Amino acid sequence: MHNLTARFFSSINDISSEYWNSIGCCDNKYYTPEFLKAFEIANSDIEFNYIVIFRNEIAVAFANTQVVTISIETITKNIKISDRFKRTINRLFCDNSIRVMFCGNVFLSGEYGTFLKDGEDKIDTFNAISKAVKTLYKKTEKLHAIFVKDFKVDSLYITDYLKKFGYSAMNVEPNMIISLDPDWTSFEDYKDALKSKYRVKANKADSKSEKLIAKLFSAEDIEKYKNQLQSLYENTIANANFNAQVLNLNTYTHLKAEYNDDFIVKGYFLEDKLVGFLSAMVNQENLDAHFIGIDYSLNKDYAIYPRILNDYVRLGIEKKATRINLGRTASEIKSTLGAKPEQLTCYIRHKRSFQNQLIKPFIRNIQIKSFREHTPFKKELYIKKEAEIAS
């Protein structure tokens, strides 16, 4: 551990290519300097910082952080806590807003905030990241809380060491994951695997949305429609249970220019009016759903959201992905397509020790809203999937 040191960078441009090559993280697009740079240059209202951990001057780990401002109402509206606890937390944060440092990508749902080089002692290296985050948050002014996100179950033996730094663990809404059968070469193959009522549901979504004209956007299209895209996106996150920060969709222009067909933006038009869009990234063997936008005044009549979900399945099959990550929120409707929850754990602490002790009972009492989990695939498909998992 004594051979581990941290260096801090306020811009991706300051991190040497030698460090990226040494860590070996760039096979995952979310840890490439190009991906991170797109967010940095398009979202100037966010304070970005990056941590590189060195062992004997060799880069062995990476972490990214962002400081954002969040209203207390945004934090408390989707969690089951008593009114007494809500009043307590509001008093602690002055019934206003708080500045939070996120370790992890605030715009992604999943384990995309820290990367540890293969062959390194995971606990040792993660502890070095934890110490570096502590150094960073102590010198960040007007900061209230630190939020380290999002870790899968098999990472908890490493990340639970954050509790030694005063953090409290909390469950958050799961990612909803569809595992794609390699035998599916079309959406029809996928629908054939569904039980009758779920196949009818998928067909109904396509039928109700048949008046929509779908178009894959180029970088020029994203630029042309960026104001409409931004409006639809902000309309959608206003209806979301939780959203920490509003993304400037100029980010998408940069991502499309960099990743071409691997970054997908698809617009839905009704009589030449843009009424919805989806975005997604092909990352290794995954198709990851990113943000969407919907005109909710037309959603019921034209099934915009159900059509978007169907099209994510189509894209996943087309891109020969093994998994589709549909992200958080709307978990029940996503489960009707065959998505299963992937549990995620985050860690939070107040910057000040006294207030941190006060919020720990609040954290322990947080309960994420439950949902009904559907089983839309035919029984024989579940048996096959279970056998694959067991092997």
Protein backbone atom coordinates (compact mmCIF):
# COMPACT_ATOMS: atom_id res chain seq x y z
CA MET A 1 0.00 0.00 0.00
CA HIS A 2 2.88 2.39 0.77
CA ASN A 3 4.00 2.16 -2.88
CA LEU A 4 0.67 3.59 -4.08
CA THR A 5 0.35 7.29 -4.78
CA ALA A 6 -2.37 9.43 -6.37
CA ARG A 7 -2.26 12.26 -8.86
CA PHE A 8 -5.16 14.56 -9.65
CA PHE A 9 -6.15 16.03 -13.00
CA SER A 10 -8.81 18.63 -13.80
CA SER A 11 -8.90 17.86 -17.51
CA ILE A 12 -8.70 14.69 -19.56
CA ASN A 13 -6.19 16.47 -21.80
CA ASP A 14 -3.70 16.47 -18.94
CA ILE A 15 -3.64 12.68 -18.59
CA SER A 16 -0.82 11.09 -20.59
CA SER A 17 -1.62 8.36 -23.12
CA GLU A 18 1.08 6.37 -21.35
CA TYR A 19 -1.14 6.20 -18.26
CA TRP A 20 -4.18 4.96 -20.21
CA ASN A 21 -2.07 2.27 -21.88
CA SER A 22 -0.61 1.19 -18.56
CA ILE A 23 -4.00 0.86 -16.82
CA GLY A 24 -5.45 -1.04 -19.79
CA CYS A 25 -8.97 0.34 -19.47
CA CYS A 26 -9.65 1.59 -22.98
CA ASP A 27 -11.29 -1.60 -24.28
CA ASN A 28 -14.29 -0.28 -22.36
CA LYS A 29 -15.51 2.85 -24.16
CA TYR A 30 -16.63 4.44 -20.89
CA TYR A 31 -13.03 4.65 -19.73
CA THR A 32 -11.59 6.10 -22.92
CA PRO A 33 -10.33 9.70 -22.88
CA GLU A 34 -12.48 10.42 -25.95
CA PHE A 35 -15.70 9.40 -24.18
CA LEU A 36 -14.91 11.29 -20.99
CA LYS A 37 -13.76 14.35 -22.93
CA ALA A 38 -17.15 14.61 -24.70
CA PHE A 39 -18.88 15.06 -21.33
CA GLU A 40 -16.24 17.43 -20.01
CA ILE A 41 -16.30 19.89 -22.92
CA ALA A 42 -20.11 19.94 -23.32
CA ASN A 43 -20.98 20.36 -19.63
CA SER A 44 -18.97 23.34 -18.45
CA ASP A 45 -21.19 23.88 -15.38
CA ILE A 46 -19.85 20.66 -13.83
CA GLU A 47 -16.54 20.46 -12.00
CA PHE A 48 -14.71 17.41 -13.34
CA ASN A 49 -11.69 15.80 -11.68
CA TYR A 50 -9.82 12.60 -12.45
CA ILE A 51 -7.65 10.42 -10.23
CA VAL A 52 -4.83 8.18 -11.41
CA ILE A 53 -3.24 5.78 -8.92
CA PHE A 54 0.40 4.82 -9.38
CA ARG A 55 2.40 1.93 -7.97
CA ASN A 56 6.09 2.74 -8.15
CA GLU A 57 5.37 5.36 -10.84
CA ILE A 58 3.34 2.92 -12.97
CA ALA A 59 -0.35 3.82 -13.48
CA VAL A 60 -2.55 1.06 -12.04
CA ALA A 61 -6.02 2.56 -11.46
CA PHE A 62 -8.34 5.35 -12.54
CA ALA A 63 -11.36 7.13 -11.07
CA ASN A 64 -13.46 10.05 -12.26
CA THR A 65 -15.45 12.52 -10.20
CA GLN A 66 -17.94 15.31 -10.83
CA VAL A 67 -19.28 17.96 -8.46
CA VAL A 68 -22.94 18.82 -9.10
CA THR A 69 -25.72 20.68 -7.31
CA ILE A 70 -28.88 18.71 -6.45
CA SER A 71 -32.10 19.81 -4.79
CA ILE A 72 -33.09 17.96 -1.61
CA GLU A 73 -36.54 17.28 -3.09
CA THR A 74 -34.93 15.42 -5.98
CA ILE A 75 -33.14 13.16 -3.52
CA THR A 76 -36.05 12.37 -1.21
CA LYS A 77 -39.01 12.09 -3.58
CA ASN A 78 -38.39 8.49 -4.68
CA ILE A 79 -37.37 6.82 -1.44
CA LYS A 80 -39.53 5.34 1.27
CA ILE A 81 -38.78 7.21 4.47
CA SER A 82 -40.96 8.64 7.17
CA ASP A 83 -41.96 12.29 7.21
CA ARG A 84 -39.87 12.66 10.37
CA PHE A 85 -36.73 11.54 8.55
CA LYS A 86 -37.55 13.81 5.62
CA ARG A 87 -37.83 16.79 7.98
CA THR A 88 -34.53 15.83 9.61
CA ILE A 89 -32.68 15.57 6.32
CA ASN A 90 -34.19 18.83 5.11
CA ARG A 91 -32.97 20.60 8.26
CA LEU A 92 -29.50 19.14 7.83
CA PHE A 93 -29.33 20.57 4.32
CA CYS A 94 -31.29 23.78 4.95
CA ASP A 95 -34.33 22.78 2.84
CA ASN A 96 -32.46 23.83 -0.24
CA SER A 97 -29.87 22.15 -2.42
CA ILE A 98 -26.56 20.45 -1.84
CA ARG A 99 -23.27 20.17 -3.66
CA VAL A 100 -22.38 16.52 -4.14
CA MET A 101 -19.18 14.97 -5.38
CA PHE A 102 -19.93 11.85 -7.42
CA CYS A 103 -17.20 9.27 -7.82
CA GLY A 104 -18.48 7.48 -10.90
CA ASN A 105 -20.11 8.82 -14.02
CA VAL A 106 -23.19 10.78 -12.95
CA PHE A 107 -24.65 10.33 -16.44
CA LEU A 108 -24.30 6.53 -16.58
CA SER A 109 -26.02 3.81 -14.61
CA GLY A 110 -23.49 1.16 -13.73
CA GLU A 111 -19.98 0.40 -12.54
CA TYR A 112 -18.18 3.01 -14.64
CA GLY A 113 -16.43 5.22 -12.11
CA THR A 114 -13.34 3.29 -11.04
CA PHE A 115 -11.06 0.96 -12.98
CA LEU A 116 -8.44 -1.27 -11.39
CA LYS A 117 -5.68 -2.75 -13.52
CA ASP A 118 -5.70 -6.51 -13.94
CA GLY A 119 -3.23 -8.26 -11.67
CA GLU A 120 -3.29 -5.58 -8.99
CA ASP A 121 -4.49 -6.22 -5.45
CA LYS A 122 -8.08 -4.98 -5.79
CA ILE A 123 -8.63 -4.03 -2.16
CA ASP A 124 -5.26 -2.33 -1.85
CA THR A 125 -5.80 -0.32 -5.01
CA PHE A 126 -9.39 0.60 -4.24
CA ASN A 127 -8.34 1.80 -0.80
CA ALA A 128 -5.83 4.09 -2.52
CA ILE A 129 -8.68 5.49 -4.63
CA SER A 130 -10.77 5.98 -1.47
CA LYS A 131 -7.94 7.94 0.17
CA ALA A 132 -7.53 10.03 -2.96
CA VAL A 133 -11.25 10.83 -3.02
CA LYS A 134 -10.97 11.89 0.62
CA THR A 135 -8.09 14.21 -0.25
CA LEU A 136 -10.11 15.65 -3.12
CA TYR A 137 -13.33 16.24 -1.18
CA LYS A 138 -11.52 17.81 1.77
CA LYS A 139 -10.13 20.55 -0.46
CA THR A 140 -13.38 21.07 -2.41
CA GLU A 141 -15.19 24.14 -1.10
CA LYS A 142 -18.90 24.31 -0.22
CA LEU A 143 -19.25 20.54 -0.59
CA HIS A 144 -21.90 18.70 1.41
CA ALA A 145 -21.78 15.03 0.45
CA ILE A 146 -19.81 12.39 -1.44
CA PHE A 147 -21.56 9.67 -3.44
CA VAL A 148 -19.60 6.70 -4.79
CA LYS A 149 -21.55 4.74 -7.42
CA ASP A 150 -22.65 2.03 -8.69
CA PHE A 151 -21.28 -1.39 -7.70
CA LYS A 152 -22.47 -4.88 -8.56
CA VAL A 153 -22.82 -7.57 -5.92
CA ASP A 154 -19.55 -9.29 -6.83
CA SER A 155 -17.63 -6.04 -6.22
CA LEU A 156 -18.89 -5.46 -2.68
CA TYR A 157 -16.06 -7.39 -1.02
CA ILE A 158 -13.81 -4.64 -2.38
CA THR A 159 -16.02 -1.58 -2.10
CA ASP A 160 -17.36 -2.26 1.40
CA TYR A 161 -14.01 -0.99 2.63
CA LEU A 162 -15.51 2.47 2.03
CA LYS A 163 -17.34 1.94 5.32
CA LYS A 164 -13.96 2.40 7.04
CA PHE A 165 -13.95 5.90 5.55
CA GLY A 166 -17.32 6.72 7.12
CA TYR A 167 -19.54 5.87 4.16
CA SER A 168 -22.93 4.20 4.46
CA ALA A 169 -23.99 1.64 1.86
CA MET A 170 -27.36 2.01 0.18
CA ASN A 171 -29.19 0.10 -2.50
CA VAL A 172 -30.39 2.01 -5.54
CA GLU A 173 -32.76 1.12 -8.34
CA PRO A 174 -31.33 -1.81 -10.31
CA ASN A 175 -30.21 -1.80 -13.90
CA MET A 176 -32.64 -3.82 -16.00
CA ILE A 177 -30.78 -6.29 -18.22
CA ILE A 178 -32.06 -8.35 -21.15
CA SER A 179 -29.90 -11.38 -21.99
CA LEU A 180 -30.13 -12.02 -25.72
CA ASP A 181 -30.21 -15.55 -27.09
CA PRO A 182 -27.54 -15.87 -29.81
CA ASP A 183 -30.10 -17.78 -31.92
CA TRP A 184 -32.19 -14.62 -32.24
CA THR A 185 -31.34 -12.99 -35.55
CA SER A 186 -34.47 -10.83 -35.80
CA PHE A 187 -37.16 -9.22 -33.68
CA GLU A 188 -39.51 -11.97 -34.86
CA ASP A 189 -37.20 -14.58 -33.31
CA TYR A 190 -37.30 -12.65 -30.03
CA LYS A 191 -41.10 -12.40 -30.12
CA ASP A 192 -41.39 -16.13 -30.83
CA ALA A 193 -39.66 -16.72 -27.48
CA LEU A 194 -42.31 -14.70 -25.61
CA LYS A 195 -45.45 -16.01 -23.99
CA SER A 196 -48.56 -15.09 -25.92
CA LYS A 197 -49.71 -12.09 -23.87
CA TYR A 198 -46.27 -10.47 -23.97
CA ARG A 199 -45.99 -11.08 -27.70
CA VAL A 200 -49.36 -9.35 -28.09
CA LYS A 201 -48.03 -6.46 -25.99
CA ALA A 202 -44.96 -6.08 -28.21
CA ASN A 203 -47.09 -6.19 -31.36
CA LYS A 204 -49.49 -3.62 -29.93
CA ALA A 205 -46.63 -1.19 -29.28
CA ASP A 206 -45.52 -1.47 -32.91
CA SER A 207 -49.08 -1.19 -34.21
CA LYS A 208 -49.96 1.93 -32.19
CA SER A 209 -46.69 3.58 -33.20
CA GLU A 210 -46.86 2.74 -36.92
CA LYS A 211 -47.52 6.39 -37.84
CA LEU A 212 -44.18 7.35 -36.35
CA ILE A 213 -41.31 7.74 -38.79
CA ALA A 214 -38.05 6.56 -37.23
CA LYS A 215 -34.70 7.90 -38.38
CA LEU A 216 -31.15 7.12 -37.30
CA PHE A 217 -29.41 10.44 -36.66
CA SER A 218 -26.03 11.46 -38.00
CA ALA A 219 -23.85 13.98 -36.16
CA GLU A 220 -25.34 16.63 -38.45
CA ASP A 221 -28.89 15.55 -37.53
CA ILE A 222 -28.07 15.75 -33.82
CA GLU A 223 -26.77 19.26 -34.34
CA LYS A 224 -29.82 20.22 -36.44
CA TYR A 225 -32.36 18.96 -33.89
CA LYS A 226 -30.36 19.58 -30.70
CA ASN A 227 -32.85 22.07 -29.25
CA GLN A 228 -35.79 19.66 -29.77
CA LEU A 229 -33.71 16.78 -28.41
CA GLN A 230 -32.79 18.78 -25.32
CA SER A 231 -36.42 19.76 -24.73
CA LEU A 232 -37.70 16.17 -25.09
CA TYR A 233 -34.94 14.87 -22.83
CA GLU A 234 -35.62 17.45 -20.11
CA ASN A 235 -39.33 16.72 -20.39
CA THR A 236 -38.57 13.06 -19.71
CA ILE A 237 -36.21 13.55 -16.77
CA ALA A 238 -38.79 15.86 -15.18
CA ASN A 239 -40.98 12.75 -14.96
CA ALA A 240 -38.16 10.54 -13.68
CA ASN A 241 -37.95 9.41 -10.08
CA PHE A 242 -34.41 10.69 -9.71
CA ASN A 243 -31.96 12.55 -11.89
CA ALA A 244 -28.85 14.07 -10.43
CA GLN A 245 -27.86 16.35 -13.29
CA VAL A 246 -29.15 17.59 -16.66
CA LEU A 247 -26.92 16.53 -19.54
CA ASN A 248 -26.14 19.07 -22.23
CA LEU A 249 -26.91 17.09 -25.38
CA ASN A 250 -24.09 18.80 -27.23
CA THR A 251 -22.34 15.81 -25.65
CA TYR A 252 -24.09 13.62 -28.21
CA THR A 253 -22.65 15.55 -31.16
CA HIS A 254 -19.15 14.79 -29.88
CA LEU A 255 -19.95 11.13 -29.13
CA LYS A 256 -21.48 10.55 -32.55
CA ALA A 257 -18.52 12.13 -34.31
CA GLU A 258 -16.13 9.96 -32.28
CA TYR A 259 -17.92 6.59 -32.22
CA ASN A 260 -19.93 6.64 -35.46
CA ASP A 261 -22.26 3.61 -35.68
CA ASP A 262 -21.42 2.49 -32.14
CA PHE A 263 -23.19 5.54 -30.72
CA ILE A 264 -26.83 5.56 -31.76
CA VAL A 265 -29.40 8.33 -31.68
CA LYS A 266 -32.76 7.49 -33.24
CA GLY A 267 -35.47 10.09 -33.69
CA TYR A 268 -39.22 9.49 -33.97
CA PHE A 269 -41.26 11.91 -36.07
CA LEU A 270 -45.00 12.45 -36.31
CA GLU A 271 -45.94 14.55 -39.32
CA ASP A 272 -42.42 16.03 -39.48
CA LYS A 273 -42.42 16.87 -35.76
CA LEU A 274 -39.79 15.22 -33.56
CA VAL A 275 -41.79 13.57 -30.76
CA GLY A 276 -39.25 11.20 -29.26
CA PHE A 277 -35.75 9.79 -29.40
CA LEU A 278 -33.57 7.07 -27.99
CA SER A 279 -29.81 6.94 -27.55
CA ALA A 280 -27.53 3.95 -27.01
CA MET A 281 -23.91 2.87 -27.04
CA VAL A 282 -22.41 -0.39 -28.25
CA ASN A 283 -19.79 -1.16 -25.62
CA GLN A 284 -17.92 -4.47 -25.85
CA GLU A 285 -20.68 -7.13 -25.94
CA ASN A 286 -23.35 -4.81 -24.52
CA LEU A 287 -25.88 -2.46 -25.98
CA ASP A 288 -26.43 0.19 -23.30
CA ALA A 289 -29.52 2.38 -23.35
CA HIS A 290 -28.64 5.99 -22.63
CA PHE A 291 -31.10 8.88 -22.32
CA ILE A 292 -34.42 9.06 -24.11
CA GLY A 293 -36.88 11.87 -24.80
CA ILE A 294 -40.66 11.69 -25.15
CA ASP A 295 -43.52 14.05 -25.90
CA TYR A 296 -45.81 12.73 -23.18
CA SER A 297 -48.87 14.45 -24.63
CA LEU A 298 -48.61 12.00 -27.55
CA ASN A 299 -47.21 8.99 -25.74
CA LYS A 300 -50.53 7.31 -24.93
CA ASP A 301 -51.97 7.60 -28.44
CA TYR A 302 -48.80 6.65 -30.29
CA ALA A 303 -47.03 4.34 -27.81
CA ILE A 304 -43.74 6.24 -28.15
CA TYR A 305 -42.10 4.73 -25.06
CA PRO A 306 -43.15 1.10 -25.74
CA ARG A 307 -41.89 1.52 -29.31
CA ILE A 308 -38.56 2.82 -28.00
CA LEU A 309 -38.24 -0.26 -25.78
CA ASN A 310 -39.02 -2.57 -28.72
CA ASP A 311 -36.41 -0.76 -30.78
CA TYR A 312 -33.78 -1.24 -28.11
CA VAL A 313 -34.34 -4.98 -28.49
CA ARG A 314 -34.12 -4.65 -32.28
CA LEU A 315 -30.86 -2.70 -31.99
CA GLY A 316 -29.38 -5.22 -29.57
CA ILE A 317 -30.10 -8.09 -31.94
CA GLU A 318 -28.87 -6.10 -34.95
CA LYS A 319 -25.61 -5.24 -33.18
CA LYS A 320 -25.18 -8.87 -32.06
CA ALA A 321 -24.99 -7.84 -28.42
CA THR A 322 -25.20 -10.47 -25.70
CA ARG A 323 -26.89 -8.10 -23.23
CA ILE A 324 -29.05 -5.00 -23.39
CA ASN A 325 -28.76 -2.70 -20.39
CA LEU A 326 -32.03 -0.75 -20.29
CA GLY A 327 -30.86 1.23 -17.27
CA ARG A 328 -32.85 2.22 -14.23
CA THR A 329 -36.44 3.41 -13.78
CA ALA A 330 -39.68 1.97 -15.22
CA SER A 331 -38.45 -1.41 -14.01
CA GLU A 332 -41.80 -3.20 -14.32
CA ILE A 333 -42.47 -2.35 -17.95
CA LYS A 334 -38.86 -3.27 -18.79
CA SER A 335 -39.37 -6.63 -17.11
CA THR A 336 -42.26 -7.32 -19.52
CA LEU A 337 -39.62 -7.42 -22.27
CA GLY A 338 -37.56 -9.98 -20.36
CA ALA A 339 -35.24 -7.64 -18.47
CA LYS A 340 -33.97 -8.88 -15.10
CA PRO A 341 -32.75 -6.62 -12.27
CA GLU A 342 -29.04 -6.26 -11.67
CA GLN A 343 -28.63 -5.01 -8.11
CA LEU A 344 -26.43 -1.99 -7.51
CA THR A 345 -24.99 -0.54 -4.31
CA CYS A 346 -23.81 3.02 -3.74
CA TYR A 347 -22.01 4.62 -0.83
CA ILE A 348 -22.67 8.04 0.65
CA ARG A 349 -21.27 10.21 3.39
CA HIS A 350 -21.53 13.82 4.52
CA LYS A 351 -18.31 15.78 4.24
CA ARG A 352 -18.45 16.72 7.94
CA SER A 353 -18.12 13.92 10.48
CA PHE A 354 -20.82 15.11 12.89
CA GLN A 355 -23.47 15.52 10.18
CA ASN A 356 -22.35 12.20 8.72
CA GLN A 357 -23.25 10.43 11.95
CA LEU A 358 -26.66 12.12 11.92
CA ILE A 359 -27.57 10.95 8.42
CA LYS A 360 -26.59 7.30 8.95
CA PRO A 361 -30.02 6.37 10.44
CA PHE A 362 -31.61 8.07 7.45
CA ILE A 363 -29.51 5.98 5.05
CA ARG A 364 -30.39 2.76 6.92
CA ASN A 365 -34.10 3.53 6.55
CA ILE A 366 -34.01 4.06 2.79
CA GLN A 367 -36.08 1.56 0.84
CA ILE A 368 -36.16 1.62 -2.94
CA LYS A 369 -39.63 1.29 -4.40
CA SER A 370 -40.45 -2.30 -5.30
CA PHE A 371 -41.95 -3.45 -8.59
CA ARG A 372 -43.70 -6.48 -9.98
CA GLU A 373 -41.25 -8.64 -11.90
CA HIS A 374 -42.72 -10.35 -14.96
CA THR A 375 -41.62 -13.62 -16.58
CA PRO A 376 -42.42 -13.04 -20.26
CA PHE A 377 -40.37 -15.81 -21.84
CA LYS A 378 -41.61 -19.34 -22.38
CA LYS A 379 -40.62 -21.85 -19.74
CA GLU A 380 -38.14 -23.72 -21.93
CA LEU A 381 -36.19 -20.51 -22.54
CA TYR A 382 -35.83 -19.90 -18.80
CA ILE A 383 -34.51 -23.43 -18.36
CA LYS A 384 -31.94 -22.79 -21.10
CA LYS A 385 -30.90 -19.47 -19.55
CA GLU A 386 -30.58 -20.98 -16.07
CA ALA A 387 -28.40 -23.78 -17.49
CA GLU A 388 -26.16 -21.20 -19.19
CA ILE A 389 -25.79 -19.22 -15.97
CA ALA A 390 -25.03 -22.38 -13.96
CA SER A 391 -22.31 -23.43 -16.40
